[in-house]
Structure formats: C-alpha cells, structure tokens
Amino acid sequence: MIWSVGLLRLVRVIAFLALFCSPVIAEDETDENREELGVPEVYPEFLRKGVNEWGVWGAISVKSRTPIGNTIYRTTWLAGIRYGRVVGTKLHTAFEYTFDFVPLELVRNDPSGPPVDGVEPTHNVYGFGLWPAGIKFIMGEGCKIKPFVGINSGLVLFNSAVPWEGRRANIAGNLDAGIHYMFREDRALTIAYKYHHVSNAYTAERNVGTNVNMIMIGYSWFSK
C-alpha cells in the first residue's frame, strides 16, 4: 500500500512538471518557421531532429494491489540498454524512436509469501528481450527538467515458462512516464514510472501473463 501511494505521488509530480515546463506556443509553430514567428532561440540542451540517445537503465517492480498490477508476492527486475533517435519536433515536443535491448529480466517470488502460480517461493526465472518498436514524446523545451511519455513492445525469452502455465517466449509491452534531468547539454538522469506487461499473445492454450508497476532509473547521453 505504501508503494502504491508512492507511485501515485510520483505520477502527480511528473504531471505537474509537464505543465510547468510546457510553454505557451503558437499552434502553427514548427522547427522551420521559428524565425518567421520571432520565437527565441531554443536552449542548446533541447533535443533536435537527428539527435541520437544512448542510455542504460534499470527498473524494479513494487508490490501493488491495483487493477493493473498482480505482483503481491512476485518481484521483477529489468536491466536495459537503449538507443533512440529524434525523428521530428513540433509544438516544443520531440518525437523519438526507441530500441531497447534487455540483457536481464529476473522474475523472483517473494519468500515471505505463498506460492505464486503453483511455483514455490524463492523460485527465480531469468530472461532477456529485444524491444524494437518504441516511440517517446519528450517535452519541456527550455527546461532542464524534461517530462516524457513513451510506449514500446517486443519479445522476451525466459529459461522457463512465465507464469508457469504460460510459455518461455512472450510478448512484452511497456508504458513509461517520467522526467529527464539535463545536468549537462548532452547528459541526463532519468526517473520514471514503468508499467510492464508480459504475456504469450494466445500462442499457448491460455494467454496468461504478468502485469507489474515499476520504478525506473536511468542515465542517457545524446549526440548528433
């Protein structure tokens, strides 16, 4: 319950920062007509079309009894490497394609709880994944704190079925909402909420899966 309240507060902070860091702009403003509209030069740390993002990140699930979480006695750890490329900007928002390689996804049952899905406590399952289908929207032009939201999807392969009545090969889907703190023009620290879903997309007899609420921490650097 404490974790759920903490996540709710994190989402509220992110929403506030999105409003605080989003300036009022003309509807027809684009990168090409800034000079015509007399818009001031943007801060150098703002992402521009063609900029690449390279990053590392980690995430851990929290115990939650919310409708979109089923991890009361199960913990999920993620470690990832991200490549992203800004494909366009409009209305002070950067649109970034993302590709994530996840060398480790660890699903671990809590030894303090009862068996989960028929598996005894402390049972660990290891996996890795490729999530090539991603898009991220980065806001906050002119602010060192840049709110963002993103979605991505791909494959994840485990060394045993997850859950136990499912399959080793699964589809992963993610929703991220957080902030980049630009402590340098080309460096950022990231904190975000991640909703992580894994299921077999009806490639098994039953489409069982896991849904976890996570806290994500990361580090990114940007280059042209």
C-alpha atoms as a PDB file:
ATOM      1  CA  MET A   1       0.000   0.000   0.000  1.00  0.00           C
ATOM      2  CA  ILE A   2       2.856   2.368   0.825  1.00  0.00           C
ATOM      3  CA  TRP A   3       4.451   1.625  -2.549  1.00  0.00           C
ATOM      4  CA  SER A   4       1.140   2.347  -4.324  1.00  0.00           C
ATOM      5  CA  VAL A   5       0.860   5.734  -2.618  1.00  0.00           C
ATOM      6  CA  GLY A   6       4.458   6.500  -3.549  1.00  0.00           C
ATOM      7  CA  LEU A   7       3.833   5.674  -7.209  1.00  0.00           C
ATOM      8  CA  LEU A   8       0.726   7.877  -7.232  1.00  0.00           C
ATOM      9  CA  ARG A   9       2.753  10.778  -5.843  1.00  0.00           C
ATOM     10  CA  LEU A  10       5.458  10.199  -8.481  1.00  0.00           C
ATOM     11  CA  VAL A  11       2.857  10.341 -11.271  1.00  0.00           C
ATOM     12  CA  ARG A  12       1.436  13.568  -9.823  1.00  0.00           C
ATOM     13  CA  VAL A  13       4.896  15.169  -9.707  1.00  0.00           C
ATOM     14  CA  ILE A  14       5.557  14.186 -13.329  1.00  0.00           C
ATOM     15  CA  ALA A  15       2.206  15.645 -14.408  1.00  0.00           C
ATOM     16  CA  PHE A  16       2.956  18.909 -12.576  1.00  0.00           C
ATOM     17  CA  LEU A  17       6.372  19.194 -14.190  1.00  0.00           C
ATOM     18  CA  ALA A  18       4.842  18.568 -17.613  1.00  0.00           C
ATOM     19  CA  LEU A  19       2.554  21.560 -17.124  1.00  0.00           C
ATOM     20  CA  PHE A  20       5.227  23.729 -15.523  1.00  0.00           C
ATOM     21  CA  CYS A  21       7.824  23.083 -18.241  1.00  0.00           C
ATOM     22  CA  SER A  22       5.492  23.384 -21.242  1.00  0.00           C
ATOM     23  CA  PRO A  23       5.487  26.964 -22.554  1.00  0.00           C
ATOM     24  CA  VAL A  24       2.532  28.530 -24.337  1.00  0.00           C
ATOM     25  CA  ILE A  25       3.229  28.437 -28.091  1.00  0.00           C
ATOM     26  CA  ALA A  26       1.551  29.186 -31.353  1.00  0.00           C
ATOM     27  CA  GLU A  27      -0.354  26.276 -32.899  1.00  0.00           C
ATOM     28  CA  ASP A  28       1.395  26.677 -36.254  1.00  0.00           C
ATOM     29  CA  GLU A  29       4.937  26.848 -34.857  1.00  0.00           C
ATOM     30  CA  THR A  30       7.393  24.303 -36.256  1.00  0.00           C
ATOM     31  CA  ASP A  31      11.175  23.993 -36.466  1.00  0.00           C
ATOM     32  CA  GLU A  32      11.115  25.550 -39.943  1.00  0.00           C
ATOM     33  CA  ASN A  33       9.182  28.726 -39.161  1.00  0.00           C
ATOM     34  CA  ARG A  34      10.615  29.726 -35.757  1.00  0.00           C
ATOM     35  CA  GLU A  35      12.495  32.668 -37.259  1.00  0.00           C
ATOM     36  CA  GLU A  36       9.411  33.904 -39.117  1.00  0.00           C
ATOM     37  CA  LEU A  37       7.343  33.774 -35.936  1.00  0.00           C
ATOM     38  CA  GLY A  38      10.022  35.531 -33.896  1.00  0.00           C
ATOM     39  CA  VAL A  39      10.437  32.635 -31.495  1.00  0.00           C
ATOM     40  CA  PRO A  40      13.604  32.940 -29.349  1.00  0.00           C
ATOM     41  CA  GLU A  41      16.448  30.510 -29.961  1.00  0.00           C
ATOM     42  CA  VAL A  42      15.925  27.312 -28.015  1.00  0.00           C
ATOM     43  CA  TYR A  43      18.191  26.212 -25.199  1.00  0.00           C
ATOM     44  CA  PRO A  44      21.096  24.122 -26.506  1.00  0.00           C
ATOM     45  CA  GLU A  45      20.149  21.072 -24.426  1.00  0.00           C
ATOM     46  CA  PHE A  46      16.805  20.679 -26.205  1.00  0.00           C
ATOM     47  CA  LEU A  47      16.678  17.614 -28.441  1.00  0.00           C
ATOM     48  CA  ARG A  48      16.626  18.324 -32.169  1.00  0.00           C
ATOM     49  CA  LYS A  49      15.789  16.159 -35.190  1.00  0.00           C
ATOM     50  CA  GLY A  50      18.595  13.719 -35.916  1.00  0.00           C
ATOM     51  CA  VAL A  51      19.940  13.626 -32.338  1.00  0.00           C
ATOM     52  CA  ASN A  52      20.780  10.133 -31.014  1.00  0.00           C
ATOM     53  CA  GLU A  53      20.177   8.936 -27.468  1.00  0.00           C
ATOM     54  CA  TRP A  54      22.341   6.249 -25.858  1.00  0.00           C
ATOM     55  CA  GLY A  55      21.293   5.089 -22.428  1.00  0.00           C
ATOM     56  CA  VAL A  56      21.347   2.469 -19.712  1.00  0.00           C
ATOM     57  CA  TRP A  57      18.521   1.896 -17.275  1.00  0.00           C
ATOM     58  CA  GLY A  58      17.240  -0.392 -14.562  1.00  0.00           C
ATOM     59  CA  ALA A  59      13.800  -0.974 -13.067  1.00  0.00           C
ATOM     60  CA  ILE A  60      12.274  -2.860 -10.152  1.00  0.00           C
ATOM     61  CA  SER A  61       8.637  -3.730  -9.556  1.00  0.00           C
ATOM     62  CA  VAL A  62       6.721  -2.772  -6.447  1.00  0.00           C
ATOM     63  CA  LYS A  63       4.059  -4.648  -4.540  1.00  0.00           C
ATOM     64  CA  SER A  64       0.716  -3.347  -5.650  1.00  0.00           C
ATOM     65  CA  ARG A  65      -2.911  -4.364  -5.357  1.00  0.00           C
ATOM     66  CA  THR A  66      -4.058  -2.026  -8.129  1.00  0.00           C
ATOM     67  CA  PRO A  67      -6.171  -3.343 -11.044  1.00  0.00           C
ATOM     68  CA  ILE A  68      -3.160  -3.108 -13.386  1.00  0.00           C
ATOM     69  CA  GLY A  69      -0.728  -4.928 -11.105  1.00  0.00           C
ATOM     70  CA  ASN A  70      -0.556  -8.563  -9.992  1.00  0.00           C
ATOM     71  CA  THR A  71       2.778  -8.726  -8.164  1.00  0.00           C
ATOM     72  CA  ILE A  72       1.857  -9.099  -4.492  1.00  0.00           C
ATOM     73  CA  TYR A  73       4.484 -11.817  -3.892  1.00  0.00           C
ATOM     74  CA  ARG A  74       6.474 -11.544  -7.124  1.00  0.00           C
ATOM     75  CA  THR A  75       9.311  -9.113  -7.872  1.00  0.00           C
ATOM     76  CA  THR A  76      10.543  -8.275 -11.371  1.00  0.00           C
ATOM     77  CA  TRP A  77      13.930  -6.729 -12.135  1.00  0.00           C
ATOM     78  CA  LEU A  78      14.872  -5.255 -15.509  1.00  0.00           C
ATOM     79  CA  ALA A  79      18.208  -4.022 -16.868  1.00  0.00           C
ATOM     80  CA  GLY A  80      18.294  -2.389 -20.282  1.00  0.00           C
ATOM     81  CA  ILE A  81      20.352  -0.602 -22.920  1.00  0.00           C
ATOM     82  CA  ARG A  82      18.567   1.954 -25.099  1.00  0.00           C
ATOM     83  CA  TYR A  83      19.175   3.544 -28.455  1.00  0.00           C
ATOM     84  CA  GLY A  84      16.906   6.361 -29.573  1.00  0.00           C
ATOM     85  CA  ARG A  85      16.781   8.834 -32.440  1.00  0.00           C
ATOM     86  CA  VAL A  86      14.749  12.016 -32.611  1.00  0.00           C
ATOM     87  CA  VAL A  87      12.721  11.766 -35.826  1.00  0.00           C
ATOM     88  CA  GLY A  88      10.942  15.106 -35.544  1.00  0.00           C
ATOM     89  CA  THR A  89       9.860  18.017 -33.348  1.00  0.00           C
ATOM     90  CA  LYS A  90       6.668  20.024 -33.190  1.00  0.00           C
ATOM     91  CA  LEU A  91       4.971  22.252 -30.621  1.00  0.00           C
ATOM     92  CA  HIS A  92       8.013  22.102 -28.327  1.00  0.00           C
ATOM     93  CA  THR A  93       7.847  18.285 -28.237  1.00  0.00           C
ATOM     94  CA  ALA A  94      10.495  15.900 -29.575  1.00  0.00           C
ATOM     95  CA  PHE A  95       9.373  12.615 -31.131  1.00  0.00           C
ATOM     96  CA  GLU A  96      11.936   9.874 -30.580  1.00  0.00           C
ATOM     97  CA  TYR A  97      12.109   6.328 -31.946  1.00  0.00           C
ATOM     98  CA  THR A  98      13.460   3.893 -29.328  1.00  0.00           C
ATOM     99  CA  PHE A  99      15.037   0.440 -29.426  1.00  0.00           C
ATOM    100  CA  ASP A 100      15.765  -1.411 -26.179  1.00  0.00           C
ATOM    101  CA  PHE A 101      17.960  -4.448 -25.574  1.00  0.00           C
ATOM    102  CA  VAL A 102      17.160  -6.055 -22.216  1.00  0.00           C
ATOM    103  CA  PRO A 103      20.015  -8.403 -21.243  1.00  0.00           C
ATOM    104  CA  LEU A 104      18.289  -9.327 -17.984  1.00  0.00           C
ATOM    105  CA  GLU A 105      14.716  -9.771 -16.835  1.00  0.00           C
ATOM    106  CA  LEU A 106      14.544 -11.518 -13.484  1.00  0.00           C
ATOM    107  CA  VAL A 107      11.226 -12.702 -12.047  1.00  0.00           C
ATOM    108  CA  ARG A 108      11.577 -13.694  -8.395  1.00  0.00           C
ATOM    109  CA  ASN A 109       8.935 -14.947  -5.972  1.00  0.00           C
ATOM    110  CA  ASP A 110       8.928 -13.370  -2.531  1.00  0.00           C
ATOM    111  CA  PRO A 111       9.940 -15.977   0.094  1.00  0.00           C
ATOM    112  CA  SER A 112       7.647 -14.283   2.640  1.00  0.00           C
ATOM    113  CA  GLY A 113       4.551 -15.005   0.553  1.00  0.00           C
ATOM    114  CA  PRO A 114       2.641 -18.105  -0.528  1.00  0.00           C
ATOM    115  CA  PRO A 115       3.409 -19.982  -3.746  1.00  0.00           C
ATOM    116  CA  VAL A 116       2.643 -17.960  -6.871  1.00  0.00           C
ATOM    117  CA  ASP A 117       1.088 -19.716  -9.887  1.00  0.00           C
ATOM    118  CA  GLY A 118       1.892 -23.079  -8.318  1.00  0.00           C
ATOM    119  CA  VAL A 119       5.619 -22.298  -8.029  1.00  0.00           C
ATOM    120  CA  GLU A 120       7.346 -22.417  -4.653  1.00  0.00           C
ATOM    121  CA  PRO A 121       8.691 -19.196  -3.051  1.00  0.00           C
ATOM    122  CA  THR A 122      12.238 -18.058  -3.989  1.00  0.00           C
ATOM    123  CA  HIS A 123      11.874 -19.593  -7.449  1.00  0.00           C
ATOM    124  CA  ASN A 124      13.793 -17.409  -9.927  1.00  0.00           C
ATOM    125  CA  VAL A 125      13.215 -17.158 -13.683  1.00  0.00           C
ATOM    126  CA  TYR A 126      15.725 -15.406 -15.954  1.00  0.00           C
ATOM    127  CA  GLY A 127      15.164 -13.911 -19.375  1.00  0.00           C
ATOM    128  CA  PHE A 128      16.292 -11.382 -21.968  1.00  0.00           C
ATOM    129  CA  GLY A 129      14.474  -9.338 -24.575  1.00  0.00           C
ATOM    130  CA  LEU A 130      14.522  -7.118 -27.652  1.00  0.00           C
ATOM    131  CA  TRP A 131      12.003  -4.282 -27.806  1.00  0.00           C
ATOM    132  CA  PRO A 132      12.410  -2.654 -31.245  1.00  0.00           C
ATOM    133  CA  ALA A 133       9.015  -0.965 -31.534  1.00  0.00           C
ATOM    134  CA  GLY A 134       9.093   2.183 -29.401  1.00  0.00           C
ATOM    135  CA  ILE A 135       8.153   5.856 -29.501  1.00  0.00           C
ATOM    136  CA  LYS A 136       8.838   8.526 -26.879  1.00  0.00           C
ATOM    137  CA  PHE A 137       7.498  12.074 -26.584  1.00  0.00           C
ATOM    138  CA  ILE A 138       9.836  14.499 -24.781  1.00  0.00           C
ATOM    139  CA  MET A 139       8.511  17.864 -23.582  1.00  0.00           C
ATOM    140  CA  GLY A 140       9.917  20.853 -21.723  1.00  0.00           C
ATOM    141  CA  GLU A 141      11.809  22.948 -24.254  1.00  0.00           C
ATOM    142  CA  GLY A 142      13.978  25.446 -22.407  1.00  0.00           C
ATOM    143  CA  CYS A 143      13.790  23.454 -19.146  1.00  0.00           C
ATOM    144  CA  LYS A 144      16.491  21.312 -17.646  1.00  0.00           C
ATOM    145  CA  ILE A 145      13.712  19.036 -16.374  1.00  0.00           C
ATOM    146  CA  LYS A 146      12.027  17.411 -19.367  1.00  0.00           C
ATOM    147  CA  PRO A 147       8.904  15.273 -18.825  1.00  0.00           C
ATOM    148  CA  PHE A 148       8.335  12.400 -21.233  1.00  0.00           C
ATOM    149  CA  VAL A 149       5.935   9.567 -22.005  1.00  0.00           C
ATOM    150  CA  GLY A 150       6.692   6.536 -24.119  1.00  0.00           C
ATOM    151  CA  ILE A 151       5.478   3.118 -25.211  1.00  0.00           C
ATOM    152  CA  ASN A 152       7.368   0.156 -26.623  1.00  0.00           C
ATOM    153  CA  SER A 153       6.952  -3.513 -27.382  1.00  0.00           C
ATOM    154  CA  GLY A 154       8.976  -6.568 -28.333  1.00  0.00           C
ATOM    155  CA  LEU A 155       9.915 -10.124 -27.411  1.00  0.00           C
ATOM    156  CA  VAL A 156      11.216 -11.612 -24.166  1.00  0.00           C
ATOM    157  CA  LEU A 157      12.573 -15.145 -23.740  1.00  0.00           C
ATOM    158  CA  PHE A 158      12.809 -16.871 -20.330  1.00  0.00           C
ATOM    159  CA  ASN A 159      14.616 -20.019 -19.213  1.00  0.00           C
ATOM    160  CA  SER A 160      11.243 -21.425 -18.056  1.00  0.00           C
ATOM    161  CA  ALA A 161       7.593 -20.551 -18.566  1.00  0.00           C
ATOM    162  CA  VAL A 162       6.274 -17.261 -17.112  1.00  0.00           C
ATOM    163  CA  PRO A 163       3.806 -17.737 -15.493  1.00  0.00           C
ATOM    164  CA  TRP A 164       4.176 -21.480 -15.006  1.00  0.00           C
ATOM    165  CA  GLU A 165       1.169 -22.319 -17.230  1.00  0.00           C
ATOM    166  CA  GLY A 166       2.379 -19.969 -19.981  1.00  0.00           C
ATOM    167  CA  ARG A 167       5.366 -20.076 -22.336  1.00  0.00           C
ATOM    168  CA  ARG A 168       9.070 -19.285 -22.323  1.00  0.00           C
ATOM    169  CA  ALA A 169       8.699 -16.925 -25.304  1.00  0.00           C
ATOM    170  CA  ASN A 170       6.438 -13.954 -24.638  1.00  0.00           C
ATOM    171  CA  ILE A 171       5.403 -10.548 -25.914  1.00  0.00           C
ATOM    172  CA  ALA A 172       6.363  -7.572 -23.731  1.00  0.00           C
ATOM    173  CA  GLY A 173       4.607  -4.212 -23.690  1.00  0.00           C
ATOM    174  CA  ASN A 174       5.633  -1.144 -21.705  1.00  0.00           C
ATOM    175  CA  LEU A 175       4.301   2.282 -20.811  1.00  0.00           C
ATOM    176  CA  ASP A 176       6.755   4.838 -19.372  1.00  0.00           C
ATOM    177  CA  ALA A 177       6.136   8.257 -17.832  1.00  0.00           C
ATOM    178  CA  GLY A 178       8.927  10.226 -16.216  1.00  0.00           C
ATOM    179  CA  ILE A 179      11.453  13.040 -16.398  1.00  0.00           C
ATOM    180  CA  HIS A 180      14.909  13.617 -17.869  1.00  0.00           C
ATOM    181  CA  TYR A 181      17.064  15.921 -15.752  1.00  0.00           C
ATOM    182  CA  MET A 182      19.574  17.537 -18.132  1.00  0.00           C
ATOM    183  CA  PHE A 183      22.553  18.183 -15.847  1.00  0.00           C
ATOM    184  CA  ARG A 184      24.611  18.887 -18.998  1.00  0.00           C
ATOM    185  CA  GLU A 185      23.687  19.769 -22.563  1.00  0.00           C
ATOM    186  CA  ASP A 186      24.172  16.172 -23.670  1.00  0.00           C
ATOM    187  CA  ARG A 187      23.702  14.233 -20.404  1.00  0.00           C
ATOM    188  CA  ALA A 188      20.563  13.332 -18.485  1.00  0.00           C
ATOM    189  CA  LEU A 189      19.479  11.421 -15.410  1.00  0.00           C
ATOM    190  CA  THR A 190      16.100   9.712 -15.687  1.00  0.00           C
ATOM    191  CA  ILE A 191      13.442   8.707 -13.181  1.00  0.00           C
ATOM    192  CA  ALA A 192      10.165   7.237 -14.352  1.00  0.00           C
ATOM    193  CA  TYR A 193       7.161   5.049 -13.682  1.00  0.00           C
ATOM    194  CA  LYS A 194       7.048   1.927 -15.887  1.00  0.00           C
ATOM    195  CA  TYR A 195       4.067  -0.347 -16.473  1.00  0.00           C
ATOM    196  CA  HIS A 196       5.415  -3.686 -17.737  1.00  0.00           C
ATOM    197  CA  HIS A 197       3.207  -6.372 -19.277  1.00  0.00           C
ATOM    198  CA  VAL A 198       4.281  -9.854 -20.366  1.00  0.00           C
ATOM    199  CA  SER A 199       2.010 -12.456 -21.984  1.00  0.00           C
ATOM    200  CA  ASN A 200       2.096 -15.091 -24.723  1.00  0.00           C
ATOM    201  CA  ALA A 201      -0.494 -13.414 -27.022  1.00  0.00           C
ATOM    202  CA  TYR A 202      -2.520 -16.650 -27.257  1.00  0.00           C
ATOM    203  CA  THR A 203       0.387 -18.681 -28.609  1.00  0.00           C
ATOM    204  CA  ALA A 204      -0.299 -21.112 -25.725  1.00  0.00           C
ATOM    205  CA  GLU A 205      -3.514 -22.729 -24.584  1.00  0.00           C
ATOM    206  CA  ARG A 206      -4.109 -19.829 -22.206  1.00  0.00           C
ATOM    207  CA  ASN A 207      -2.988 -16.227 -22.613  1.00  0.00           C
ATOM    208  CA  VAL A 208      -1.619 -15.838 -19.097  1.00  0.00           C
ATOM    209  CA  GLY A 209       0.840 -13.144 -18.148  1.00  0.00           C
ATOM    210  CA  THR A 210       2.175 -10.702 -15.589  1.00  0.00           C
ATOM    211  CA  ASN A 211       1.467  -7.004 -15.094  1.00  0.00           C
ATOM    212  CA  VAL A 212       3.857  -5.027 -12.911  1.00  0.00           C
ATOM    213  CA  ASN A 213       4.228  -1.440 -11.720  1.00  0.00           C
ATOM    214  CA  MET A 214       7.879  -0.408 -11.676  1.00  0.00           C
ATOM    215  CA  ILE A 215      10.211   2.422 -10.728  1.00  0.00           C
ATOM    216  CA  MET A 216      12.881   3.061 -13.384  1.00  0.00           C
ATOM    217  CA  ILE A 217      16.205   4.873 -13.032  1.00  0.00           C
ATOM    218  CA  GLY A 218      18.486   5.626 -15.981  1.00  0.00           C
ATOM    219  CA  TYR A 219      21.341   7.605 -17.488  1.00  0.00           C
ATOM    220  CA  SER A 220      21.415   8.926 -21.070  1.00  0.00           C
ATOM    221  CA  TRP A 221      23.799  10.842 -23.295  1.00  0.00           C
ATOM    222  CA  PHE A 222      22.926  12.490 -26.591  1.00  0.00           C
ATOM    223  CA  SER A 223      24.934  13.011 -29.759  1.00  0.00           C
ATOM    224  CA  LYS A 224      24.348  14.291 -33.280  1.00  0.00           C
END
